[in-house]
Amino acid sequence: MNEEEKFKMINDIFAPKTGEKVLIMYDTPHGNVKDNDGWKERREMSKEWYETLKKMGESGGFTVDIFGYESAGLHNTQQPKEVEDKIASYNLVLVIMEFSISSTMSKVIKTKDSVTRGAGLHPEKRMEDGVFKANYKEVSKYAIAIKKMLNSAIGAEINFSTGDQLFIDLRNRDAHADGGDCTKAGQYINFPSGEGFIAPYEAINDEINEYGTSKTEGIWPVNYKGELLKFIVKNNKIENIEGEGPKADEAREFYWENDTRKNIAELGIGCNPKAIVTGNILEDEKVGLHIAYGTSTHFGGKVQSDTHLDIVYAKGCLVEGTSLKLINEDGSKIELIKDSQLRYDLLK
């Protein structure tokens, strides 16, 4: 991706304007939060994005700053107030991160009267000649189509390549679309973009009076640090973890340490044709099916946790989501994922 292409991508997706304040943020390793080669590359890329935007700002009439902060070492742990205040004082905030802070970003950006918009990135240099060059007008159409389907559905039936099945309750929640538009205050996206997503019905507090307990249940197969475990799910929570050995014990310790981590927080369907599965979650999830645990409040759910993490089931993953059928209120079904792949023909 040459300089002209970078300028066009940034203008198309983020549209920095005259008089605006732009901030590049990046997280840093410290103490027990250990560094790695990919993280080092991302910190270098944050400087490259800063220099690119600074050059654009000289002719575009906007200013650019760069800010590093200590990583929490866990995805979507709530950030300190000084970080929230920093985000809120800029018009456009781009976070090039090792550990996601999307929940904090969303909380600040979606506050009433916010003047801020922003994006979370977990980039690699190779993306500049791949997924960054996607047709984001097309991607946006796909994401909006998935959002509409999710809003019409009351549940989702998922079959995995392991033979396991999971039902996700979609009642009483509004779906969202991330198609790569971050041009207006109040918008938060991940970049690369391309997904429709929704928080499952969690049956929290007074919701039970109207909707009853959550119908989310089944067996959720999870590749936990290279070991296949079976998460037994009922009432939208992980009730038990089947598996033997140290990884299974480690997983049980992690989820039982904080009960909110057991929450099934998101059903997402990626829709970026340029995205590929490489192990980079922010790109992997744009390929197809992903399911998350932990926090759901940043997009309409009711559970606040100390983490939120997506597990991806696209074609090419160790475990694939071979089929996903959306169930509508009239009982009709739409098989949106078939043979582990999103059916783009249904999104035209």
Protein backbone atom coordinates (compact mmCIF):
# COMPACT_ATOMS: atom_id res chain seq x y z
CA MET A 1 0.00 0.00 0.00
CA ASN A 2 1.62 3.23 -1.15
CA GLU A 3 1.19 6.65 0.44
CA GLU A 4 -1.63 7.68 -1.88
CA GLU A 5 -3.54 4.47 -1.09
CA LYS A 6 -3.04 5.00 2.67
CA PHE A 7 -4.36 8.56 2.41
CA LYS A 8 -7.43 7.33 0.51
CA MET A 9 -8.11 4.51 2.99
CA ILE A 10 -7.89 6.86 5.97
CA ASN A 11 -10.10 9.47 4.30
CA ASP A 12 -12.68 6.86 3.21
CA ILE A 13 -12.93 5.13 6.60
CA PHE A 14 -12.17 7.90 9.14
CA ALA A 15 -12.55 11.23 7.27
CA PRO A 16 -10.42 13.50 9.53
CA LYS A 17 -11.67 17.07 9.14
CA THR A 18 -10.31 20.59 9.41
CA GLY A 19 -10.05 21.72 13.03
CA GLU A 20 -10.28 18.22 14.49
CA LYS A 21 -7.92 16.67 17.05
CA VAL A 22 -6.69 13.16 16.19
CA LEU A 23 -5.02 10.76 18.64
CA ILE A 24 -3.00 7.61 17.96
CA MET A 25 -2.91 5.37 21.04
CA TYR A 26 -0.87 2.22 21.64
CA ASP A 27 -0.42 -0.10 24.61
CA THR A 28 2.94 -1.08 26.10
CA PRO A 29 4.26 -4.19 27.89
CA HIS A 30 5.38 -3.97 31.52
CA GLY A 31 6.03 -6.26 34.48
CA ASN A 32 4.30 -9.60 33.92
CA VAL A 33 2.74 -8.41 30.65
CA LYS A 34 5.44 -9.71 28.33
CA ASP A 35 6.42 -8.31 24.94
CA ASN A 36 6.45 -10.24 21.64
CA ASP A 37 7.56 -9.65 18.04
CA GLY A 38 4.08 -8.89 16.75
CA TRP A 39 3.51 -6.36 19.50
CA LYS A 40 6.82 -4.66 18.68
CA GLU A 41 5.71 -4.41 15.05
CA ARG A 42 2.39 -2.88 16.12
CA ARG A 43 4.16 -0.21 18.17
CA GLU A 44 6.25 0.63 15.11
CA MET A 45 3.08 0.76 13.02
CA SER A 46 1.53 3.19 15.50
CA LYS A 47 4.42 5.56 14.77
CA GLU A 48 3.91 5.06 11.02
CA TRP A 49 0.19 5.85 11.31
CA TYR A 50 1.09 8.92 13.39
CA GLU A 51 3.52 10.18 10.71
CA THR A 52 1.00 9.48 7.92
CA LEU A 53 -1.82 11.31 9.70
CA LYS A 54 0.50 14.15 10.69
CA LYS A 55 1.38 14.64 7.04
CA MET A 56 -2.30 14.57 6.09
CA GLY A 57 -3.06 17.06 8.85
CA GLU A 58 -0.59 19.59 7.48
CA SER A 59 -2.73 20.01 4.37
CA GLY A 60 -6.06 18.97 5.94
CA GLY A 61 -5.98 21.40 8.86
CA PHE A 62 -6.21 18.90 11.73
CA THR A 63 -3.72 18.10 14.51
CA VAL A 64 -2.35 14.70 15.53
CA ASP A 65 -0.93 13.44 18.84
CA ILE A 66 0.40 10.04 19.94
CA PHE A 67 -0.01 8.46 23.39
CA GLY A 68 1.24 5.23 24.96
CA TYR A 69 -0.38 3.56 27.97
CA GLU A 70 0.39 0.45 30.02
CA SER A 71 -1.48 -2.64 28.88
CA ALA A 72 -3.77 -4.47 31.28
CA GLY A 73 -2.64 -7.80 29.79
CA LEU A 74 -6.25 -8.95 29.34
CA HIS A 75 -8.69 -8.11 26.56
CA ASN A 76 -11.27 -5.43 27.39
CA THR A 77 -10.36 -4.77 30.99
CA GLN A 78 -11.85 -1.39 31.91
CA GLN A 79 -9.25 1.34 31.58
CA PRO A 80 -8.43 3.99 34.24
CA LYS A 81 -10.34 7.28 34.23
CA GLU A 82 -7.32 9.20 32.93
CA VAL A 83 -7.35 7.03 29.78
CA GLU A 84 -11.11 7.56 29.37
CA ASP A 85 -10.63 11.33 29.77
CA LYS A 86 -7.82 11.28 27.19
CA ILE A 87 -10.06 9.52 24.65
CA ALA A 88 -12.96 11.91 25.30
CA SER A 89 -10.78 14.98 24.58
CA TYR A 90 -10.19 14.06 20.92
CA ASN A 91 -12.42 13.91 17.84
CA LEU A 92 -10.84 10.81 16.28
CA VAL A 93 -9.00 8.15 18.29
CA LEU A 94 -7.22 5.19 16.68
CA VAL A 95 -5.95 2.56 19.11
CA ILE A 96 -3.26 0.23 17.75
CA MET A 97 -3.34 -2.40 20.44
CA GLU A 98 -2.06 -5.78 21.56
CA PHE A 99 -4.89 -6.16 24.08
CA SER A 100 -8.27 -4.80 23.07
CA ILE A 101 -9.85 -1.88 24.94
CA SER A 102 -13.00 -1.81 22.77
CA SER A 103 -15.33 -1.86 25.78
CA THR A 104 -13.72 1.29 27.21
CA MET A 105 -13.66 2.99 23.80
CA SER A 106 -17.33 2.20 23.21
CA LYS A 107 -18.31 3.41 26.68
CA VAL A 108 -16.64 6.80 26.14
CA ILE A 109 -17.56 7.30 22.50
CA LYS A 110 -21.22 6.38 22.92
CA THR A 111 -21.72 8.74 25.85
CA LYS A 112 -24.43 11.34 25.27
CA ASP A 113 -23.06 14.47 23.55
CA SER A 114 -19.74 12.76 22.77
CA VAL A 115 -17.66 14.48 20.08
CA THR A 116 -15.45 11.43 19.64
CA ARG A 117 -15.32 8.60 17.13
CA GLY A 118 -12.71 5.89 16.98
CA ALA A 119 -11.39 2.50 16.01
CA GLY A 120 -9.48 -0.39 17.52
CA LEU A 121 -6.78 -1.98 15.38
CA HIS A 122 -4.58 -5.05 15.80
CA PRO A 123 -2.70 -4.62 12.51
CA GLU A 124 0.04 -6.47 10.69
CA LYS A 125 2.03 -5.04 7.78
CA ARG A 126 0.70 -7.72 5.41
CA MET A 127 -2.84 -6.34 5.89
CA GLU A 128 -1.91 -3.20 3.97
CA ASP A 129 -1.97 -5.22 0.74
CA GLY A 130 -4.83 -7.46 1.83
CA VAL A 131 -7.84 -6.80 4.04
CA PHE A 132 -7.16 -3.04 4.31
CA LYS A 133 -7.88 -2.85 0.56
CA ALA A 134 -11.35 -4.39 0.82
CA ASN A 135 -14.29 -2.66 -0.85
CA TYR A 136 -15.78 -1.25 2.34
CA LYS A 137 -18.92 0.05 0.65
CA GLU A 138 -19.66 -3.57 -0.27
CA VAL A 139 -18.61 -4.81 3.18
CA SER A 140 -20.98 -2.28 4.78
CA LYS A 141 -23.91 -3.59 2.71
CA TYR A 142 -23.16 -7.14 3.86
CA ALA A 143 -22.89 -6.08 7.53
CA ILE A 144 -26.19 -4.20 7.41
CA ALA A 145 -27.92 -7.19 5.78
CA ILE A 146 -26.66 -9.48 8.58
CA LYS A 147 -27.79 -6.96 11.20
CA LYS A 148 -31.32 -7.01 9.75
CA MET A 149 -31.38 -10.81 9.77
CA LEU A 150 -30.20 -10.96 13.38
CA ASN A 151 -32.85 -8.43 14.41
CA SER A 152 -35.56 -10.59 12.80
CA ALA A 153 -34.36 -13.76 14.51
CA ILE A 154 -35.25 -15.10 17.95
CA GLY A 155 -32.48 -17.69 18.02
CA ALA A 156 -29.56 -19.30 16.26
CA GLU A 157 -28.82 -23.01 15.85
CA ILE A 158 -25.09 -23.70 15.45
CA ASN A 159 -23.42 -26.98 14.45
CA PHE A 160 -19.68 -27.40 14.88
CA SER A 161 -17.17 -29.61 13.08
CA THR A 162 -16.77 -31.51 16.38
CA GLY A 163 -20.38 -32.69 16.12
CA ASP A 164 -21.46 -30.41 18.98
CA GLN A 165 -24.49 -28.12 18.88
CA LEU A 166 -25.22 -24.78 20.56
CA PHE A 167 -28.43 -22.74 20.59
CA ILE A 168 -28.12 -18.98 21.19
CA ASP A 169 -31.13 -16.98 22.39
CA LEU A 170 -31.46 -13.73 20.39
CA ARG A 171 -34.64 -12.33 21.96
CA ASN A 172 -34.78 -8.87 23.50
CA ARG A 173 -31.53 -7.59 21.94
CA ASP A 174 -30.66 -5.25 19.07
CA ALA A 175 -28.06 -6.24 16.50
CA HIS A 176 -25.27 -4.00 15.20
CA ALA A 177 -23.28 -3.64 11.98
CA ASP A 178 -19.61 -2.74 11.62
CA GLY A 179 -19.03 -2.09 7.95
CA GLY A 180 -16.05 0.25 8.11
CA ASP A 181 -17.67 3.67 8.55
CA CYS A 182 -16.09 5.85 11.25
CA THR A 183 -16.86 9.33 9.97
CA LYS A 184 -19.30 10.66 12.60
CA ALA A 185 -19.10 11.33 16.34
CA GLY A 186 -20.43 8.44 18.39
CA GLN A 187 -19.18 5.73 16.01
CA TYR A 188 -16.79 3.01 17.14
CA ILE A 189 -15.49 0.27 14.85
CA ASN A 190 -12.81 -2.37 14.70
CA PHE A 191 -10.52 -2.14 11.70
CA PRO A 192 -10.33 -4.17 9.53
CA SER A 193 -14.13 -4.09 9.61
CA GLY A 194 -16.94 -6.30 8.41
CA GLU A 195 -19.42 -8.02 10.71
CA GLY A 196 -22.95 -8.11 12.01
CA PHE A 197 -23.18 -8.92 15.73
CA ILE A 198 -25.55 -9.13 18.67
CA ALA A 199 -25.49 -9.81 22.42
CA PRO A 200 -27.51 -12.92 23.36
CA TYR A 201 -30.41 -12.64 25.76
CA GLU A 202 -28.85 -13.06 29.23
CA ALA A 203 -31.95 -13.00 31.47
CA ILE A 204 -30.65 -10.41 33.92
CA ASN A 205 -32.78 -9.12 36.83
CA ASP A 206 -36.21 -7.81 35.79
CA GLU A 207 -35.87 -9.11 32.22
CA ILE A 208 -36.82 -12.57 33.48
CA ASN A 209 -40.32 -11.34 34.35
CA GLU A 210 -41.04 -10.65 30.67
CA TYR A 211 -38.86 -13.10 28.75
CA GLY A 212 -38.10 -15.87 31.23
CA THR A 213 -34.71 -17.52 31.53
CA SER A 214 -32.31 -17.52 28.61
CA LYS A 215 -32.62 -20.39 26.15
CA THR A 216 -28.93 -20.27 25.24
CA GLU A 217 -27.65 -23.79 25.87
CA GLY A 218 -25.69 -26.68 24.42
CA ILE A 219 -22.05 -27.67 24.01
CA TRP A 220 -19.58 -24.98 23.00
CA PRO A 221 -16.29 -26.51 21.77
CA VAL A 222 -13.38 -24.19 22.53
CA ASN A 223 -9.77 -24.32 21.39
CA TYR A 224 -8.21 -23.21 24.68
CA LYS A 225 -4.50 -22.54 24.14
CA GLY A 226 -4.22 -25.45 21.73
CA GLU A 227 -6.38 -27.94 23.66
CA LEU A 228 -9.96 -28.76 22.66
CA LEU A 229 -12.33 -28.34 25.61
CA LYS A 230 -16.11 -28.69 25.77
CA PHE A 231 -17.92 -25.85 27.53
CA ILE A 232 -21.32 -26.96 28.80
CA VAL A 233 -23.68 -23.98 28.46
CA LYS A 234 -27.08 -23.40 30.08
CA ASN A 235 -29.05 -20.19 30.65
CA ASN A 236 -26.39 -18.33 28.63
CA LYS A 237 -23.58 -19.26 31.05
CA ILE A 238 -20.72 -21.74 31.08
CA GLU A 239 -21.83 -24.29 33.69
CA ASN A 240 -19.04 -26.82 33.32
CA ILE A 241 -15.87 -27.48 31.33
CA GLU A 242 -15.14 -30.97 30.06
CA GLY A 243 -11.51 -31.85 29.50
CA GLU A 244 -8.49 -33.32 31.23
CA GLY A 245 -4.99 -32.08 31.84
CA PRO A 246 -3.39 -28.80 32.91
CA LYS A 247 -5.09 -26.64 30.23
CA ALA A 248 -8.54 -27.78 31.35
CA ASP A 249 -7.64 -27.04 34.97
CA GLU A 250 -6.30 -23.64 33.93
CA ALA A 251 -9.51 -22.86 32.04
CA ARG A 252 -11.68 -23.80 35.02
CA GLU A 253 -9.57 -21.62 37.30
CA PHE A 254 -9.86 -18.67 34.88
CA TYR A 255 -13.63 -18.82 34.37
CA TRP A 256 -14.49 -19.64 37.97
CA GLU A 257 -12.27 -16.84 39.27
CA ASN A 258 -14.82 -14.31 38.01
CA ASP A 259 -18.39 -15.47 37.41
CA THR A 260 -19.02 -12.80 34.75
CA ARG A 261 -16.42 -14.44 32.48
CA LYS A 262 -18.87 -17.35 32.09
CA ASN A 263 -21.33 -15.11 30.23
CA ILE A 264 -21.93 -15.80 26.52
CA ALA A 265 -21.51 -12.21 25.37
CA GLU A 266 -21.73 -12.09 21.57
CA LEU A 267 -22.76 -13.87 18.42
CA GLY A 268 -20.92 -12.35 15.47
CA ILE A 269 -20.84 -13.11 11.75
CA GLY A 270 -17.93 -11.74 9.75
CA CYS A 271 -18.49 -10.53 6.19
CA ASN A 272 -15.25 -9.17 4.74
CA PRO A 273 -14.32 -11.16 1.58
CA LYS A 274 -10.69 -10.00 1.83
CA ALA A 275 -10.24 -11.28 5.39
CA ILE A 276 -8.30 -14.52 5.97
CA VAL A 277 -7.72 -16.76 8.98
CA THR A 278 -4.18 -16.31 10.34
CA GLY A 279 -4.61 -16.24 14.13
CA ASN A 280 -5.12 -12.46 14.27
CA ILE A 281 -8.51 -12.30 15.98
CA LEU A 282 -9.56 -8.88 14.64
CA GLU A 283 -9.13 -10.19 11.10
CA ASP A 284 -10.16 -13.82 11.74
CA GLU A 285 -13.56 -12.75 13.09
CA LYS A 286 -14.30 -10.89 9.85
CA VAL A 287 -14.16 -14.22 7.95
CA GLY A 288 -17.23 -15.80 9.55
CA LEU A 289 -18.74 -17.12 12.77
CA HIS A 290 -17.40 -16.00 16.15
CA ILE A 291 -18.72 -16.26 19.70
CA ALA A 292 -17.46 -14.26 22.68
CA TYR A 293 -17.55 -14.51 26.46
CA GLY A 294 -17.47 -11.82 29.16
CA THR A 295 -18.62 -8.21 28.83
CA SER A 296 -21.65 -7.43 26.65
CA THR A 297 -22.68 -3.99 27.92
CA HIS A 298 -20.74 -2.10 25.23
CA PHE A 299 -23.24 -3.21 22.56
CA GLY A 300 -26.52 -3.69 24.36
CA GLY A 301 -26.09 -6.63 26.71
CA LYS A 302 -26.41 -6.57 30.49
CA VAL A 303 -23.18 -8.14 31.80
CA GLN A 304 -20.07 -6.15 32.74
CA SER A 305 -16.96 -8.27 33.13
CA ASP A 306 -13.21 -7.70 33.31
CA THR A 307 -12.74 -9.15 29.82
CA HIS A 308 -14.39 -9.80 26.44
CA LEU A 309 -12.83 -12.19 23.96
CA ASP A 310 -14.03 -13.62 20.64
CA ILE A 311 -13.44 -17.24 19.68
CA VAL A 312 -13.54 -17.74 15.92
CA TYR A 313 -15.14 -20.67 14.04
CA ALA A 314 -14.55 -19.65 10.43
CA LYS A 315 -13.37 -22.08 7.78
CA GLY A 316 -9.71 -22.85 8.43
CA CYS A 317 -9.95 -22.72 12.23
CA LEU A 318 -9.20 -25.78 14.38
CA VAL A 319 -12.93 -25.99 15.12
CA GLU A 320 -15.32 -24.72 12.45
CA GLY A 321 -18.92 -23.62 12.68
CA THR A 322 -20.21 -25.85 9.90
CA SER A 323 -23.77 -24.51 9.96
CA LEU A 324 -25.63 -21.55 11.45
CA LYS A 325 -29.38 -21.32 11.06
CA LEU A 326 -31.25 -18.21 12.19
CA ILE A 327 -34.73 -18.98 13.53
CA ASN A 328 -37.42 -16.37 12.92
CA GLU A 329 -40.48 -15.76 15.08
CA ASP A 330 -42.73 -17.57 12.57
CA GLY A 331 -40.55 -20.69 12.81
CA SER A 332 -38.85 -20.24 9.46
CA LYS A 333 -35.09 -20.74 9.25
CA ILE A 334 -32.29 -19.15 7.25
CA GLU A 335 -29.04 -21.11 6.91
CA LEU A 336 -26.66 -18.17 6.83
CA ILE A 337 -23.53 -20.29 7.25
CA LYS A 338 -23.28 -23.55 5.31
CA ASP A 339 -20.26 -25.87 4.97
CA SER A 340 -18.39 -23.51 7.33
CA GLN A 341 -18.76 -20.53 4.98
CA LEU A 342 -20.93 -17.43 4.97
CA ARG A 343 -23.54 -17.46 2.21
CA TYR A 344 -22.89 -14.12 0.57
CA ASP A 345 -25.66 -14.86 -1.95
CA LEU A 346 -28.21 -14.22 0.84
CA LEU A 347 -26.74 -10.76 1.49
CA LYS A 348 -27.01 -9.30 -2.02
